[in-house]
PDB file of N, CA and C in Angstrom:
ATOM      1  N   UNK A   1    -101.193  51.016 -55.960  1.00  0.00           N
ATOM      2  CA  UNK A   1    -101.152  52.350 -55.395  1.00  0.00           C
ATOM      3  C   UNK A   1     -99.708  52.831 -55.298  1.00  0.00           C
ATOM      4  N   UNK A   2     -99.526  54.041 -54.817  1.00  0.00           N
ATOM      5  CA  UNK A   2     -98.211  54.668 -54.856  1.00  0.00           C
ATOM      6  C   UNK A   2     -97.155  53.893 -54.085  1.00  0.00           C
ATOM      7  N   UNK A   3     -97.537  53.169 -53.043  1.00  0.00           N
ATOM      8  CA  UNK A   3     -96.538  52.440 -52.277  1.00  0.00           C
ATOM      9  C   UNK A   3     -95.919  51.288 -53.076  1.00  0.00           C
ATOM     10  N   UNK A   4     -96.539  50.926 -54.188  1.00  0.00           N
ATOM     11  CA  UNK A   4     -96.004  49.869 -55.024  1.00  0.00           C
ATOM     12  C   UNK A   4     -94.903  50.380 -55.949  1.00  0.00           C
ATOM     13  N   UNK A   5     -94.786  51.698 -56.079  1.00  0.00           N
ATOM     14  CA  UNK A   5     -93.822  52.289 -56.993  1.00  0.00           C
ATOM     15  C   UNK A   5     -92.823  53.151 -56.238  1.00  0.00           C
ATOM     16  N   UNK A   6     -91.618  53.223 -56.778  1.00  0.00           N
ATOM     17  CA  UNK A   6     -90.600  54.120 -56.245  1.00  0.00           C
ATOM     18  C   UNK A   6     -90.725  55.432 -57.022  1.00  0.00           C
ATOM     19  N   UNK A   7     -91.478  56.367 -56.471  1.00  0.00           N
ATOM     20  CA  UNK A   7     -91.810  57.622 -57.155  1.00  0.00           C
ATOM     21  C   UNK A   7     -90.615  58.571 -57.136  1.00  0.00           C
ATOM     22  N   UNK A   8     -90.202  59.015 -58.312  1.00  0.00           N
ATOM     23  CA  UNK A   8     -89.098  59.972 -58.406  1.00  0.00           C
ATOM     24  C   UNK A   8     -89.602  61.395 -58.197  1.00  0.00           C
ATOM     25  N   UNK A   9     -90.823  61.678 -58.681  1.00  0.00           N
ATOM     26  CA  UNK A   9     -91.368  63.034 -58.605  1.00  0.00           C
ATOM     27  C   UNK A   9     -92.888  62.953 -58.654  1.00  0.00           C
ATOM     28  N   UNK A  10     -93.548  63.904 -57.977  1.00  0.00           N
ATOM     29  CA  UNK A  10     -95.000  64.009 -58.042  1.00  0.00           C
ATOM     30  C   UNK A  10     -95.356  65.317 -58.725  1.00  0.00           C
ATOM     31  N   UNK A  11     -96.233  65.230 -59.721  1.00  0.00           N
ATOM     32  CA  UNK A  11     -96.714  66.394 -60.456  1.00  0.00           C
ATOM     33  C   UNK A  11     -98.158  66.634 -60.055  1.00  0.00           C
ATOM     34  N   UNK A  12     -98.418  67.800 -59.473  1.00  0.00           N
ATOM     35  CA  UNK A  12     -99.774  68.158 -59.039  1.00  0.00           C
ATOM     36  C   UNK A  12    -100.416  69.029 -60.115  1.00  0.00           C
ATOM     37  N   UNK A  13    -101.390  68.467 -60.823  1.00  0.00           N
ATOM     38  CA  UNK A  13    -102.120  69.231 -61.836  1.00  0.00           C
ATOM     39  C   UNK A  13    -103.599  69.337 -61.452  1.00  0.00           C
ATOM     40  N   UNK A  14    -103.877  69.293 -60.151  1.00  0.00           N
ATOM     41  CA  UNK A  14    -105.256  69.429 -59.682  1.00  0.00           C
ATOM     42  C   UNK A  14    -105.790  70.797 -60.104  1.00  0.00           C
ATOM     43  N   UNK A  15    -107.017  70.804 -60.617  1.00  0.00           N
ATOM     44  CA  UNK A  15    -107.641  72.043 -61.059  1.00  0.00           C
ATOM     45  C   UNK A  15    -107.382  72.350 -62.525  1.00  0.00           C
ATOM     46  N   UNK A  16    -106.429  71.661 -63.139  1.00  0.00           N
ATOM     47  CA  UNK A  16    -106.128  71.880 -64.557  1.00  0.00           C
ATOM     48  C   UNK A  16    -106.994  70.964 -65.405  1.00  0.00           C
ATOM     49  N   UNK A  17    -107.463  71.489 -66.541  1.00  0.00           N
ATOM     50  CA  UNK A  17    -108.262  70.659 -67.440  1.00  0.00           C
ATOM     51  C   UNK A  17    -107.523  70.480 -68.763  1.00  0.00           C
ATOM     52  N   UNK A  18    -108.045  69.590 -69.566  1.00  0.00           N
ATOM     53  CA  UNK A  18    -107.438  69.235 -70.849  1.00  0.00           C
ATOM     54  C   UNK A  18    -107.091  70.504 -71.637  1.00  0.00           C
ATOM     55  N   UNK A  19    -105.912  70.575 -72.193  1.00  0.00           N
ATOM     56  CA  UNK A  19    -104.886  69.544 -72.326  1.00  0.00           C
ATOM     57  C   UNK A  19    -103.754  69.668 -71.297  1.00  0.00           C
ATOM     58  N   UNK A  20    -103.901  70.529 -70.292  1.00  0.00           N
ATOM     59  CA  UNK A  20    -102.779  70.850 -69.397  1.00  0.00           C
ATOM     60  C   UNK A  20    -102.207  69.651 -68.641  1.00  0.00           C
ATOM     61  N   UNK A  21    -103.001  68.702 -68.143  1.00  0.00           N
ATOM     62  CA  UNK A  21    -102.365  67.559 -67.470  1.00  0.00           C
ATOM     63  C   UNK A  21    -101.376  66.813 -68.377  1.00  0.00           C
ATOM     64  N   UNK A  22    -101.729  66.646 -69.648  1.00  0.00           N
ATOM     65  CA  UNK A  22    -100.833  65.956 -70.576  1.00  0.00           C
ATOM     66  C   UNK A  22     -99.616  66.826 -70.890  1.00  0.00           C
ATOM     67  N   UNK A  23     -99.837  68.109 -71.138  1.00  0.00           N
ATOM     68  CA  UNK A  23     -98.732  69.027 -71.453  1.00  0.00           C
ATOM     69  C   UNK A  23     -97.726  69.063 -70.301  1.00  0.00           C
ATOM     70  N   UNK A  24     -98.222  69.195 -69.086  1.00  0.00           N
ATOM     71  CA  UNK A  24     -97.328  69.270 -67.924  1.00  0.00           C
ATOM     72  C   UNK A  24     -96.665  67.923 -67.639  1.00  0.00           C
ATOM     73  N   UNK A  25     -97.378  66.824 -67.897  1.00  0.00           N
ATOM     74  CA  UNK A  25     -96.787  65.498 -67.718  1.00  0.00           C
ATOM     75  C   UNK A  25     -95.626  65.297 -68.681  1.00  0.00           C
ATOM     76  N   UNK A  26     -95.818  65.688 -69.939  1.00  0.00           N
ATOM     77  CA  UNK A  26     -94.746  65.544 -70.919  1.00  0.00           C
ATOM     78  C   UNK A  26     -93.520  66.346 -70.499  1.00  0.00           C
ATOM     79  N   UNK A  27     -93.730  67.566 -70.036  1.00  0.00           N
ATOM     80  CA  UNK A  27     -92.619  68.410 -69.602  1.00  0.00           C
ATOM     81  C   UNK A  27     -91.902  67.791 -68.404  1.00  0.00           C
ATOM     82  N   UNK A  28     -92.664  67.275 -67.456  1.00  0.00           N
ATOM     83  CA  UNK A  28     -92.065  66.696 -66.247  1.00  0.00           C
ATOM     84  C   UNK A  28     -91.330  65.397 -66.556  1.00  0.00           C
ATOM     85  N   UNK A  29     -91.868  64.583 -67.462  1.00  0.00           N
ATOM     86  CA  UNK A  29     -91.235  63.296 -67.774  1.00  0.00           C
ATOM     87  C   UNK A  29     -89.919  63.531 -68.509  1.00  0.00           C
ATOM     88  N   UNK A  30     -89.837  64.614 -69.269  1.00  0.00           N
ATOM     89  CA  UNK A  30     -88.599  64.944 -69.983  1.00  0.00           C
ATOM     90  C   UNK A  30     -87.444  65.194 -69.019  1.00  0.00           C
ATOM     91  N   UNK A  31     -87.759  65.641 -67.808  1.00  0.00           N
ATOM     92  CA  UNK A  31     -86.735  65.961 -66.810  1.00  0.00           C
ATOM     93  C   UNK A  31     -86.275  64.745 -66.006  1.00  0.00           C
ATOM     94  N   UNK A  32     -86.943  63.612 -66.181  1.00  0.00           N
ATOM     95  CA  UNK A  32     -86.591  62.416 -65.413  1.00  0.00           C
ATOM     96  C   UNK A  32     -85.549  61.575 -66.141  1.00  0.00           C
ATOM     97  N   UNK A  33     -84.859  60.745 -65.380  1.00  0.00           N
ATOM     98  CA  UNK A  33     -83.910  59.790 -65.954  1.00  0.00           C
ATOM     99  C   UNK A  33     -84.672  58.534 -66.373  1.00  0.00           C
ATOM    100  N   UNK A  34     -84.100  57.787 -67.292  1.00  0.00           N
ATOM    101  CA  UNK A  34     -84.711  56.537 -67.741  1.00  0.00           C
ATOM    102  C   UNK A  34     -84.952  55.616 -66.546  1.00  0.00           C
ATOM    103  N   UNK A  35     -86.158  55.055 -66.476  1.00  0.00           N
ATOM    104  CA  UNK A  35     -86.514  54.148 -65.395  1.00  0.00           C
ATOM    105  C   UNK A  35     -87.231  54.810 -64.237  1.00  0.00           C
ATOM    106  N   UNK A  36     -87.151  56.141 -64.159  1.00  0.00           N
ATOM    107  CA  UNK A  36     -87.812  56.832 -63.050  1.00  0.00           C
ATOM    108  C   UNK A  36     -89.317  56.931 -63.304  1.00  0.00           C
ATOM    109  N   UNK A  37     -90.066  57.050 -62.196  1.00  0.00           N
ATOM    110  CA  UNK A  37     -91.524  57.064 -62.260  1.00  0.00           C
ATOM    111  C   UNK A  37     -92.059  58.401 -61.777  1.00  0.00           C
ATOM    112  N   UNK A  38     -92.985  58.941 -62.564  1.00  0.00           N
ATOM    113  CA  UNK A  38     -93.663  60.197 -62.245  1.00  0.00           C
ATOM    114  C   UNK A  38     -95.072  59.875 -61.776  1.00  0.00           C
ATOM    115  N   UNK A  39     -95.450  60.430 -60.630  1.00  0.00           N
ATOM    116  CA  UNK A  39     -96.833  60.335 -60.161  1.00  0.00           C
ATOM    117  C   UNK A  39     -97.525  61.629 -60.560  1.00  0.00           C
ATOM    118  N   UNK A  40     -98.632  61.526 -61.274  1.00  0.00           N
ATOM    119  CA  UNK A  40     -99.408  62.688 -61.687  1.00  0.00           C
ATOM    120  C   UNK A  40    -100.722  62.664 -60.918  1.00  0.00           C
ATOM    121  N   UNK A  41    -101.017  63.757 -60.207  1.00  0.00           N
ATOM    122  CA  UNK A  41    -102.235  63.850 -59.405  1.00  0.00           C
ATOM    123  C   UNK A  41    -103.138  64.909 -60.041  1.00  0.00           C
ATOM    124  N   UNK A  42    -104.324  64.481 -60.488  1.00  0.00           N
ATOM    125  CA  UNK A  42    -105.233  65.357 -61.223  1.00  0.00           C
ATOM    126  C   UNK A  42    -106.641  65.290 -60.649  1.00  0.00           C
ATOM    127  N   UNK A  43    -107.443  66.298 -60.989  1.00  0.00           N
ATOM    128  CA  UNK A  43    -108.859  66.292 -60.611  1.00  0.00           C
ATOM    129  C   UNK A  43    -109.766  66.244 -61.839  1.00  0.00           C
ATOM    130  N   UNK A  44    -109.188  66.286 -63.025  1.00  0.00           N
ATOM    131  CA  UNK A  44    -109.944  66.226 -64.274  1.00  0.00           C
ATOM    132  C   UNK A  44    -110.183  64.760 -64.637  1.00  0.00           C
ATOM    133  N   UNK A  45    -111.440  64.332 -64.649  1.00  0.00           N
ATOM    134  CA  UNK A  45    -111.740  62.934 -64.961  1.00  0.00           C
ATOM    135  C   UNK A  45    -111.266  62.563 -66.363  1.00  0.00           C
ATOM    136  N   UNK A  46    -111.197  63.534 -67.249  1.00  0.00           N
ATOM    137  CA  UNK A  46    -110.716  63.292 -68.600  1.00  0.00           C
ATOM    138  C   UNK A  46    -109.247  62.915 -68.652  1.00  0.00           C
ATOM    139  N   UNK A  47    -108.532  63.194 -67.559  1.00  0.00           N
ATOM    140  CA  UNK A  47    -107.106  62.862 -67.537  1.00  0.00           C
ATOM    141  C   UNK A  47    -106.891  61.355 -67.630  1.00  0.00           C
ATOM    142  N   UNK A  48    -107.888  60.564 -67.212  1.00  0.00           N
ATOM    143  CA  UNK A  48    -107.760  59.104 -67.283  1.00  0.00           C
ATOM    144  C   UNK A  48    -107.558  58.665 -68.742  1.00  0.00           C
ATOM    145  N   UNK A  49    -108.423  59.104 -69.626  1.00  0.00           N
ATOM    146  CA  UNK A  49    -108.293  58.710 -71.033  1.00  0.00           C
ATOM    147  C   UNK A  49    -107.205  59.514 -71.739  1.00  0.00           C
ATOM    148  N   UNK A  50    -107.056  60.800 -71.376  1.00  0.00           N
ATOM    149  CA  UNK A  50    -106.054  61.648 -72.035  1.00  0.00           C
ATOM    150  C   UNK A  50    -104.638  61.126 -71.806  1.00  0.00           C
ATOM    151  N   UNK A  51    -104.295  60.818 -70.560  1.00  0.00           N
ATOM    152  CA  UNK A  51    -102.940  60.343 -70.266  1.00  0.00           C
ATOM    153  C   UNK A  51    -102.718  58.934 -70.804  1.00  0.00           C
ATOM    154  N   UNK A  52    -103.752  58.116 -70.800  1.00  0.00           N
ATOM    155  CA  UNK A  52    -103.637  56.775 -71.376  1.00  0.00           C
ATOM    156  C   UNK A  52    -103.342  56.876 -72.866  1.00  0.00           C
ATOM    157  N   UNK A  53    -104.087  57.714 -73.553  1.00  0.00           N
ATOM    158  CA  UNK A  53    -103.876  57.888 -74.986  1.00  0.00           C
ATOM    159  C   UNK A  53    -102.515  58.471 -75.305  1.00  0.00           C
ATOM    160  N   UNK A  54    -102.094  59.454 -74.515  1.00  0.00           N
ATOM    161  CA  UNK A  54    -100.777  60.068 -74.719  1.00  0.00           C
ATOM    162  C   UNK A  54     -99.671  59.036 -74.517  1.00  0.00           C
ATOM    163  N   UNK A  55     -99.739  58.261 -73.439  1.00  0.00           N
ATOM    164  CA  UNK A  55     -98.697  57.285 -73.146  1.00  0.00           C
ATOM    165  C   UNK A  55     -98.658  56.189 -74.207  1.00  0.00           C
ATOM    166  N   UNK A  56     -99.817  55.758 -74.672  1.00  0.00           N
ATOM    167  CA  UNK A  56     -99.890  54.715 -75.691  1.00  0.00           C
ATOM    168  C   UNK A  56     -99.231  55.184 -76.992  1.00  0.00           C
ATOM    169  N   UNK A  57     -99.408  56.447 -77.326  1.00  0.00           N
ATOM    170  CA  UNK A  57     -98.880  56.970 -78.575  1.00  0.00           C
ATOM    171  C   UNK A  57     -97.511  57.613 -78.478  1.00  0.00           C
ATOM    172  N   UNK A  58     -96.879  57.541 -77.309  1.00  0.00           N
ATOM    173  CA  UNK A  58     -95.597  58.217 -77.103  1.00  0.00           C
ATOM    174  C   UNK A  58     -94.500  57.204 -76.815  1.00  0.00           C
ATOM    175  N   UNK A  59     -93.455  57.230 -77.621  1.00  0.00           N
ATOM    176  CA  UNK A  59     -92.310  56.362 -77.377  1.00  0.00           C
ATOM    177  C   UNK A  59     -91.550  56.853 -76.153  1.00  0.00           C
ATOM    178  N   UNK A  60     -91.028  55.920 -75.377  1.00  0.00           N
ATOM    179  CA  UNK A  60     -90.187  56.279 -74.238  1.00  0.00           C
ATOM    180  C   UNK A  60     -90.914  56.463 -72.927  1.00  0.00           C
ATOM    181  N   UNK A  61     -92.235  56.226 -72.921  1.00  0.00           N
ATOM    182  CA  UNK A  61     -92.995  56.299 -71.669  1.00  0.00           C
ATOM    183  C   UNK A  61     -93.939  55.106 -71.586  1.00  0.00           C
ATOM    184  N   UNK A  62     -94.241  54.709 -70.344  1.00  0.00           N
ATOM    185  CA  UNK A  62     -95.206  53.632 -70.113  1.00  0.00           C
ATOM    186  C   UNK A  62     -96.109  54.033 -68.962  1.00  0.00           C
ATOM    187  N   UNK A  63     -97.413  53.949 -69.187  1.00  0.00           N
ATOM    188  CA  UNK A  63     -98.385  54.201 -68.132  1.00  0.00           C
ATOM    189  C   UNK A  63     -98.514  52.916 -67.330  1.00  0.00           C
ATOM    190  N   UNK A  64     -98.032  52.942 -66.080  1.00  0.00           N
ATOM    191  CA  UNK A  64     -98.009  51.743 -65.254  1.00  0.00           C
ATOM    192  C   UNK A  64     -99.353  51.463 -64.599  1.00  0.00           C
ATOM    193  N   UNK A  65    -100.001  52.528 -64.124  1.00  0.00           N
ATOM    194  CA  UNK A  65    -101.258  52.344 -63.393  1.00  0.00           C
ATOM    195  C   UNK A  65    -101.993  53.665 -63.307  1.00  0.00           C
ATOM    196  N   UNK A  66    -103.323  53.573 -63.206  1.00  0.00           N
ATOM    197  CA  UNK A  66    -104.165  54.728 -62.943  1.00  0.00           C
ATOM    198  C   UNK A  66    -105.095  54.364 -61.793  1.00  0.00           C
ATOM    199  N   UNK A  67    -105.235  55.282 -60.849  1.00  0.00           N
ATOM    200  CA  UNK A  67    -106.056  55.030 -59.663  1.00  0.00           C
ATOM    201  C   UNK A  67    -107.048  56.172 -59.501  1.00  0.00           C
ATOM    202  N   UNK A  68    -108.325  55.832 -59.349  1.00  0.00           N
ATOM    203  CA  UNK A  68    -109.352  56.824 -59.077  1.00  0.00           C
ATOM    204  C   UNK A  68    -109.635  56.782 -57.584  1.00  0.00           C
ATOM    205  N   UNK A  69    -109.416  57.911 -56.922  1.00  0.00           N
ATOM    206  CA  UNK A  69    -109.609  57.999 -55.471  1.00  0.00           C
ATOM    207  C   UNK A  69    -110.570  59.150 -55.190  1.00  0.00           C
ATOM    208  N   UNK A  70    -111.873  58.866 -55.282  1.00  0.00           N
ATOM    209  CA  UNK A  70    -112.865  59.918 -55.133  1.00  0.00           C
ATOM    210  C   UNK A  70    -112.789  60.870 -56.309  1.00  0.00           C
ATOM    211  N   UNK A  71    -112.522  62.151 -56.033  1.00  0.00           N
ATOM    212  CA  UNK A  71    -112.414  63.157 -57.091  1.00  0.00           C
ATOM    213  C   UNK A  71    -110.975  63.370 -57.548  1.00  0.00           C
ATOM    214  N   UNK A  72    -110.063  62.528 -57.094  1.00  0.00           N
ATOM    215  CA  UNK A  72    -108.647  62.657 -57.453  1.00  0.00           C
ATOM    216  C   UNK A  72    -108.231  61.447 -58.289  1.00  0.00           C
ATOM    217  N   UNK A  73    -107.501  61.731 -59.332  1.00  0.00           N
ATOM    218  CA  UNK A  73    -107.033  60.686 -60.251  1.00  0.00           C
ATOM    219  C   UNK A  73    -105.514  60.671 -60.211  1.00  0.00           C
ATOM    220  N   UNK A  74    -104.953  59.494 -59.942  1.00  0.00           N
ATOM    221  CA  UNK A  74    -103.497  59.357 -59.861  1.00  0.00           C
ATOM    222  C   UNK A  74    -103.015  58.485 -61.007  1.00  0.00           C
ATOM    223  N   UNK A  75    -101.970  58.950 -61.654  1.00  0.00           N
ATOM    224  CA  UNK A  75    -101.402  58.270 -62.809  1.00  0.00           C
ATOM    225  C   UNK A  75     -99.926  58.032 -62.522  1.00  0.00           C
ATOM    226  N   UNK A  76     -99.440  56.848 -62.862  1.00  0.00           N
ATOM    227  CA  UNK A  76     -98.041  56.503 -62.638  1.00  0.00           C
ATOM    228  C   UNK A  76     -97.391  56.230 -63.993  1.00  0.00           C
ATOM    229  N   UNK A  77     -96.483  57.118 -64.386  1.00  0.00           N
ATOM    230  CA  UNK A  77     -95.870  57.061 -65.706  1.00  0.00           C
ATOM    231  C   UNK A  77     -94.369  56.843 -65.532  1.00  0.00           C
ATOM    232  N   UNK A  78     -93.852  55.825 -66.223  1.00  0.00           N
ATOM    233  CA  UNK A  78     -92.421  55.536 -66.156  1.00  0.00           C
ATOM    234  C   UNK A  78     -91.754  55.966 -67.456  1.00  0.00           C
ATOM    235  N   UNK A  79     -90.597  56.616 -67.299  1.00  0.00           N
ATOM    236  CA  UNK A  79     -89.805  56.962 -68.474  1.00  0.00           C
ATOM    237  C   UNK A  79     -88.990  55.723 -68.836  1.00  0.00           C
ATOM    238  N   UNK A  80     -89.179  55.232 -70.057  1.00  0.00           N
ATOM    239  CA  UNK A  80     -88.551  53.980 -70.465  1.00  0.00           C
ATOM    240  C   UNK A  80     -87.380  54.177 -71.429  1.00  0.00           C
ATOM    241  N   UNK A  81     -87.186  55.389 -71.890  1.00  0.00           N
ATOM    242  CA  UNK A  81     -86.065  55.660 -72.799  1.00  0.00           C
ATOM    243  C   UNK A  81     -85.625  57.109 -72.672  1.00  0.00           C
TER     244      UNK A  81
END
């Protein structure tokens, strides 16, 4: 959960559906320094697979964890380069 990570920024994309959580995550991660962690908070269940797929196919980012908390999905993405 979030207490396990040193969160640099939280991105709230609740209410946004595909592809906006990924688009906004990419924009937000670009603004972070290497090693910093972005917490993404979404309500779109598709964000679980969308962000996983994006992180897997994108150099310079790592998806550390995804947490489903009722109707809210939290994603922890670290900028690695």
